[in-house]
PDB file of N, CA and C in Angstrom:
ATOM      1  N   MET A   1       8.508  15.509   6.550  1.00  0.00           N
ATOM      2  CA  MET A   1       7.889  14.323   6.740  1.00  0.00           C
ATOM      3  C   MET A   1       8.305  13.889   8.223  1.00  0.00           C
ATOM      4  N   GLU A   2       7.537  13.607   9.096  1.00  0.00           N
ATOM      5  CA  GLU A   2       7.913  13.065  10.438  1.00  0.00           C
ATOM      6  C   GLU A   2       8.579  11.654  10.346  1.00  0.00           C
ATOM      7  N   THR A   3       9.300  11.375  11.417  1.00  0.00           N
ATOM      8  CA  THR A   3       9.977  10.105  11.801  1.00  0.00           C
ATOM      9  C   THR A   3       9.630   9.609  12.970  1.00  0.00           C
ATOM     10  N   TRP A   4       9.093   8.367  13.058  1.00  0.00           N
ATOM     11  CA  TRP A   4       8.577   7.585  14.428  1.00  0.00           C
ATOM     12  C   TRP A   4       9.325   6.613  14.502  1.00  0.00           C
ATOM     13  N   TYR A   5       9.482   6.250  15.816  1.00  0.00           N
ATOM     14  CA  TYR A   5      10.317   4.885  16.038  1.00  0.00           C
ATOM     15  C   TYR A   5       9.332   4.186  16.943  1.00  0.00           C
ATOM     16  N   TYR A   6       9.479   2.623  16.764  1.00  0.00           N
ATOM     17  CA  TYR A   6       8.667   1.735  17.401  1.00  0.00           C
ATOM     18  C   TYR A   6       9.424   0.480  17.690  1.00  0.00           C
ATOM     19  N   GLU A   7       8.897  -0.213  18.675  1.00  0.00           N
ATOM     20  CA  GLU A   7       9.349  -1.549  19.062  1.00  0.00           C
ATOM     21  C   GLU A   7       8.431  -2.508  18.978  1.00  0.00           C
ATOM     22  N   VAL A   8       8.664  -3.662  18.420  1.00  0.00           N
ATOM     23  CA  VAL A   8       7.825  -4.798  18.339  1.00  0.00           C
ATOM     24  C   VAL A   8       7.518  -5.386  19.660  1.00  0.00           C
ATOM     25  N   VAL A   9       6.293  -5.222  20.315  1.00  0.00           N
ATOM     26  CA  VAL A   9       5.957  -5.675  21.660  1.00  0.00           C
ATOM     27  C   VAL A   9       5.508  -7.301  21.376  1.00  0.00           C
ATOM     28  N   SER A  10       4.654  -7.571  20.364  1.00  0.00           N
ATOM     29  CA  SER A  10       4.233  -9.038  20.297  1.00  0.00           C
ATOM     30  C   SER A  10       3.802  -9.268  18.874  1.00  0.00           C
ATOM     31  N   ILE A  11       3.686 -10.376  18.490  1.00  0.00           N
ATOM     32  CA  ILE A  11       3.503 -10.741  16.967  1.00  0.00           C
ATOM     33  C   ILE A  11       2.324 -11.884  17.234  1.00  0.00           C
ATOM     34  N   ASP A  12       1.188 -11.502  16.488  1.00  0.00           N
ATOM     35  CA  ASP A  12      -0.003 -12.520  16.749  1.00  0.00           C
ATOM     36  C   ASP A  12      -0.415 -12.780  15.268  1.00  0.00           C
ATOM     37  N   GLY A  13       0.047 -13.790  14.744  1.00  0.00           N
ATOM     38  CA  GLY A  13      -0.421 -14.348  13.453  1.00  0.00           C
ATOM     39  C   GLY A  13       0.033 -13.316  12.320  1.00  0.00           C
ATOM     40  N   ASP A  14      -0.967 -12.672  11.645  1.00  0.00           N
ATOM     41  CA  ASP A  14      -0.617 -11.768  10.596  1.00  0.00           C
ATOM     42  C   ASP A  14      -0.364 -10.433  11.072  1.00  0.00           C
ATOM     43  N   TYR A  15      -0.424 -10.169  12.283  1.00  0.00           N
ATOM     44  CA  TYR A  15      -0.465  -8.720  12.899  1.00  0.00           C
ATOM     45  C   TYR A  15       0.753  -8.532  13.976  1.00  0.00           C
ATOM     46  N   ALA A  16       1.203  -7.350  14.149  1.00  0.00           N
ATOM     47  CA  ALA A  16       2.109  -7.147  15.158  1.00  0.00           C
ATOM     48  C   ALA A  16       1.743  -5.947  15.983  1.00  0.00           C
ATOM     49  N   ASN A  17       2.130  -6.083  17.332  1.00  0.00           N
ATOM     50  CA  ASN A  17       1.517  -4.699  18.134  1.00  0.00           C
ATOM     51  C   ASN A  17       3.019  -4.032  18.393  1.00  0.00           C
ATOM     52  N   LEU A  18       2.780  -2.736  17.939  1.00  0.00           N
ATOM     53  CA  LEU A  18       4.120  -1.799  18.140  1.00  0.00           C
ATOM     54  C   LEU A  18       3.669  -0.790  19.128  1.00  0.00           C
ATOM     55  N   ARG A  19       4.937  -0.481  19.823  1.00  0.00           N
ATOM     56  CA  ARG A  19       4.777   0.607  20.739  1.00  0.00           C
ATOM     57  C   ARG A  19       5.751   1.780  20.483  1.00  0.00           C
ATOM     58  N   ARG A  20       5.293   2.995  20.393  1.00  0.00           N
ATOM     59  CA  ARG A  20       6.295   4.130  20.148  1.00  0.00           C
ATOM     60  C   ARG A  20       7.263   4.243  21.131  1.00  0.00           C
ATOM     61  N   THR A  21       8.557   4.519  20.768  1.00  0.00           N
ATOM     62  CA  THR A  21       9.573   4.596  21.624  1.00  0.00           C
ATOM     63  C   THR A  21      10.262   6.052  21.830  1.00  0.00           C
ATOM     64  N   ASP A  22       9.735   6.874  20.803  1.00  0.00           N
ATOM     65  CA  ASP A  22      10.112   8.141  20.654  1.00  0.00           C
ATOM     66  C   ASP A  22       9.419   9.159  21.535  1.00  0.00           C
ATOM     67  N   VAL A  23       8.223   8.835  21.911  1.00  0.00           N
ATOM     68  CA  VAL A  23       7.490   9.550  22.823  1.00  0.00           C
ATOM     69  C   VAL A  23       7.177   8.598  24.115  1.00  0.00           C
ATOM     70  N   ALA A  24       6.447   9.323  25.212  1.00  0.00           N
ATOM     71  CA  ALA A  24       6.186   8.390  26.316  1.00  0.00           C
ATOM     72  C   ALA A  24       4.749   7.991  26.011  1.00  0.00           C
ATOM     73  N   SER A  25       4.425   6.612  25.687  1.00  0.00           N
ATOM     74  CA  SER A  25       3.288   6.141  25.340  1.00  0.00           C
ATOM     75  C   SER A  25       3.179   4.664  25.775  1.00  0.00           C
ATOM     76  N   GLU A  26       2.124   4.435  26.263  1.00  0.00           N
ATOM     77  CA  GLU A  26       1.766   2.845  26.530  1.00  0.00           C
ATOM     78  C   GLU A  26       0.835   2.180  25.607  1.00  0.00           C
ATOM     79  N   ASP A  27       0.349   3.136  24.616  1.00  0.00           N
ATOM     80  CA  ASP A  27      -0.562   2.683  23.486  1.00  0.00           C
ATOM     81  C   ASP A  27      -0.027   1.778  22.646  1.00  0.00           C
ATOM     82  N   LEU A  28      -0.539   0.726  22.130  1.00  0.00           N
ATOM     83  CA  LEU A  28      -0.081  -0.218  21.112  1.00  0.00           C
ATOM     84  C   LEU A  28      -0.715   0.185  19.750  1.00  0.00           C
ATOM     85  N   LYS A  29       0.008  -0.231  18.809  1.00  0.00           N
ATOM     86  CA  LYS A  29      -0.509  -0.026  17.417  1.00  0.00           C
ATOM     87  C   LYS A  29      -0.521  -1.185  16.676  1.00  0.00           C
ATOM     88  N   LEU A  30      -1.776  -1.812  16.203  1.00  0.00           N
ATOM     89  CA  LEU A  30      -1.747  -2.949  15.592  1.00  0.00           C
ATOM     90  C   LEU A  30      -1.437  -2.676  14.213  1.00  0.00           C
ATOM     91  N   VAL A  31      -0.386  -3.468  13.525  1.00  0.00           N
ATOM     92  CA  VAL A  31       0.056  -3.287  12.034  1.00  0.00           C
ATOM     93  C   VAL A  31      -0.065  -4.611  11.515  1.00  0.00           C
ATOM     94  N   ALA A  32      -0.417  -4.815  10.284  1.00  0.00           N
ATOM     95  CA  ALA A  32      -0.385  -5.839   9.331  1.00  0.00           C
ATOM     96  C   ALA A  32       1.077  -6.178   9.310  1.00  0.00           C
ATOM     97  N   ARG A  33       1.304  -7.435   9.387  1.00  0.00           N
ATOM     98  CA  ARG A  33       2.755  -7.897   9.105  1.00  0.00           C
ATOM     99  C   ARG A  33       3.529  -7.744   7.630  1.00  0.00           C
ATOM    100  N   ALA A  34       2.398  -7.525   6.793  1.00  0.00           N
ATOM    101  CA  ALA A  34       2.815  -7.481   5.407  1.00  0.00           C
ATOM    102  C   ALA A  34       3.349  -6.083   5.127  1.00  0.00           C
ATOM    103  N   LEU A  35       3.094  -5.138   6.048  1.00  0.00           N
ATOM    104  CA  LEU A  35       3.475  -3.857   5.898  1.00  0.00           C
ATOM    105  C   LEU A  35       4.838  -3.708   6.685  1.00  0.00           C
ATOM    106  N   LEU A  36       5.326  -4.531   7.331  1.00  0.00           N
ATOM    107  CA  LEU A  36       6.467  -4.668   7.991  1.00  0.00           C
ATOM    108  C   LEU A  36       7.731  -5.247   7.224  1.00  0.00           C
ATOM    109  N   PRO A  37       8.922  -5.016   7.756  1.00  0.00           N
ATOM    110  CA  PRO A  37      10.107  -5.635   6.932  1.00  0.00           C
ATOM    111  C   PRO A  37      10.133  -7.174   7.287  1.00  0.00           C
ATOM    112  N   ASP A  38      10.743  -7.933   6.517  1.00  0.00           N
ATOM    113  CA  ASP A  38      11.088  -9.386   6.941  1.00  0.00           C
ATOM    114  C   ASP A  38      11.709  -9.453   7.987  1.00  0.00           C
ATOM    115  N   GLY A  39      11.669 -10.580   8.802  1.00  0.00           N
ATOM    116  CA  GLY A  39      12.741 -10.868   9.698  1.00  0.00           C
ATOM    117  C   GLY A  39      12.540 -10.135  11.147  1.00  0.00           C
ATOM    118  N   ILE A  40      11.520  -9.436  11.370  1.00  0.00           N
ATOM    119  CA  ILE A  40      11.025  -8.816  12.602  1.00  0.00           C
ATOM    120  C   ILE A  40      10.608 -10.005  13.652  1.00  0.00           C
ATOM    121  N   ALA A  41      11.000  -9.621  14.890  1.00  0.00           N
ATOM    122  CA  ALA A  41      10.742 -10.372  15.904  1.00  0.00           C
ATOM    123  C   ALA A  41      10.396  -9.554  17.194  1.00  0.00           C
ATOM    124  N   GLU A  42       9.744 -10.359  18.155  1.00  0.00           N
ATOM    125  CA  GLU A  42       9.534  -9.354  19.199  1.00  0.00           C
ATOM    126  C   GLU A  42      10.694  -8.749  19.817  1.00  0.00           C
ATOM    127  N   GLY A  43      10.709  -7.369  20.176  1.00  0.00           N
ATOM    128  CA  GLY A  43      12.043  -6.701  20.497  1.00  0.00           C
ATOM    129  C   GLY A  43      12.666  -6.007  19.437  1.00  0.00           C
ATOM    130  N   SER A  44      12.354  -6.235  18.189  1.00  0.00           N
ATOM    131  CA  SER A  44      12.832  -5.606  17.093  1.00  0.00           C
ATOM    132  C   SER A  44      12.376  -3.984  17.122  1.00  0.00           C
ATOM    133  N   ARG A  45      13.262  -3.302  16.764  1.00  0.00           N
ATOM    134  CA  ARG A  45      13.259  -1.803  16.629  1.00  0.00           C
ATOM    135  C   ARG A  45      13.010  -1.396  15.277  1.00  0.00           C
ATOM    136  N   LEU A  46      11.879  -0.401  15.003  1.00  0.00           N
ATOM    137  CA  LEU A  46      11.639   0.006  13.665  1.00  0.00           C
ATOM    138  C   LEU A  46      11.633   1.469  13.578  1.00  0.00           C
ATOM    139  N   LYS A  47      11.856   1.994  12.414  1.00  0.00           N
ATOM    140  CA  LYS A  47      11.641   3.417  12.004  1.00  0.00           C
ATOM    141  C   LYS A  47      10.593   3.426  10.999  1.00  0.00           C
ATOM    142  N   TYR A  48       9.747   4.412  11.255  1.00  0.00           N
ATOM    143  CA  TYR A  48       8.471   4.750  10.277  1.00  0.00           C
ATOM    144  C   TYR A  48       8.687   5.906   9.625  1.00  0.00           C
ATOM    145  N   GLU A  49       9.015   6.047   8.466  1.00  0.00           N
ATOM    146  CA  GLU A  49       9.316   7.289   7.706  1.00  0.00           C
ATOM    147  C   GLU A  49       8.717   7.243   6.296  1.00  0.00           C
ATOM    148  N   MET A  50       8.267   8.215   5.749  1.00  0.00           N
ATOM    149  CA  MET A  50       7.682   8.349   4.429  1.00  0.00           C
ATOM    150  C   MET A  50       6.769   7.325   4.135  1.00  0.00           C
ATOM    151  N   MET A  51       5.991   6.630   5.047  1.00  0.00           N
ATOM    152  CA  MET A  51       4.873   5.518   4.991  1.00  0.00           C
ATOM    153  C   MET A  51       5.672   4.249   4.734  1.00  0.00           C
ATOM    154  N   GLN A  52       6.969   4.039   5.319  1.00  0.00           N
ATOM    155  CA  GLN A  52       7.416   2.729   5.158  1.00  0.00           C
ATOM    156  C   GLN A  52       8.257   2.369   6.657  1.00  0.00           C
ATOM    157  N   TYR A  53       8.074   1.183   6.971  1.00  0.00           N
ATOM    158  CA  TYR A  53       8.763   0.657   8.089  1.00  0.00           C
ATOM    159  C   TYR A  53      10.041   0.068   7.719  1.00  0.00           C
ATOM    160  N   THR A  54      11.109   0.398   8.577  1.00  0.00           N
ATOM    161  CA  THR A  54      12.509  -0.296   8.218  1.00  0.00           C
ATOM    162  C   THR A  54      13.103  -0.805   9.695  1.00  0.00           C
ATOM    163  N   LEU A  55      13.917  -1.769   9.659  1.00  0.00           N
ATOM    164  CA  LEU A  55      14.541  -2.253  10.883  1.00  0.00           C
ATOM    165  C   LEU A  55      15.622  -1.227  10.976  1.00  0.00           C
ATOM    166  N   THR A  56      15.830  -0.765  12.520  1.00  0.00           N
ATOM    167  CA  THR A  56      17.069   0.056  13.043  1.00  0.00           C
ATOM    168  C   THR A  56      17.800  -1.013  13.988  1.00  0.00           C
ATOM    169  N   ASP A  57      18.897  -0.544  14.055  1.00  0.00           N
ATOM    170  CA  ASP A  57      19.891  -1.215  15.241  1.00  0.00           C
ATOM    171  C   ASP A  57      19.362  -1.270  16.566  1.00  0.00           C
TER     172      ASP A  57
END
């Protein structure tokens, strides 16, 4: 299973825009906040693995 890393770029209501940080990309991924861990904010770093997002340091 692959592991991907993201940074929260912006939060807009019930959605967050994520940018991958493990590859060079300017594309944003729109994700429902219900799928993300509690306590995220702009600048939070996330790990996506096994269909789950978790906060990283």
